[in-house]
Amino acid sequence: SLGDGAAKRAAPGVLLPTPDVSSFDISAAQRFVLLGSSGAWKGGAAAGETAVQKLSAELARMDARRNEIAAMLSDDSRLALLAAGRVNALQRERDERACEGAVLADLSRSR
């Protein structure tokens, strides 16, 4: 609501433009950082934890699918058995669907 003037006027003192700010070190142990406004976390800590669990599971699924596609596309004997359209579909999936942007879009729709 930082830029939502109408909402601020409708509920003065409720919508505050001053964010809560935290800082922390990010290491290789963190695969992702998930940020969202208070509206994204309706339900408190449980909603945030659910989002982290869903994203972790989806990233693991995507990694497995990426590995499967990479194996199929790098194996000439397997490629020879596939129709050109199927090869193109696998390449498209590799390039479009099996990416983090698609997961974030899916995650935001499932809230």
Foldseek 3Di string as FASTA:
>chain_A
DLPPPVVCVVPPPPDDNDDDDDDDDDDPVDPDDDDDDVVCQPVPPVSVVVLVVQLVVLLVVLVVLLVVLVVQLVDPVNVVPDDPVVNVVSVCCNVPVSDPVNVVVVSVVVD
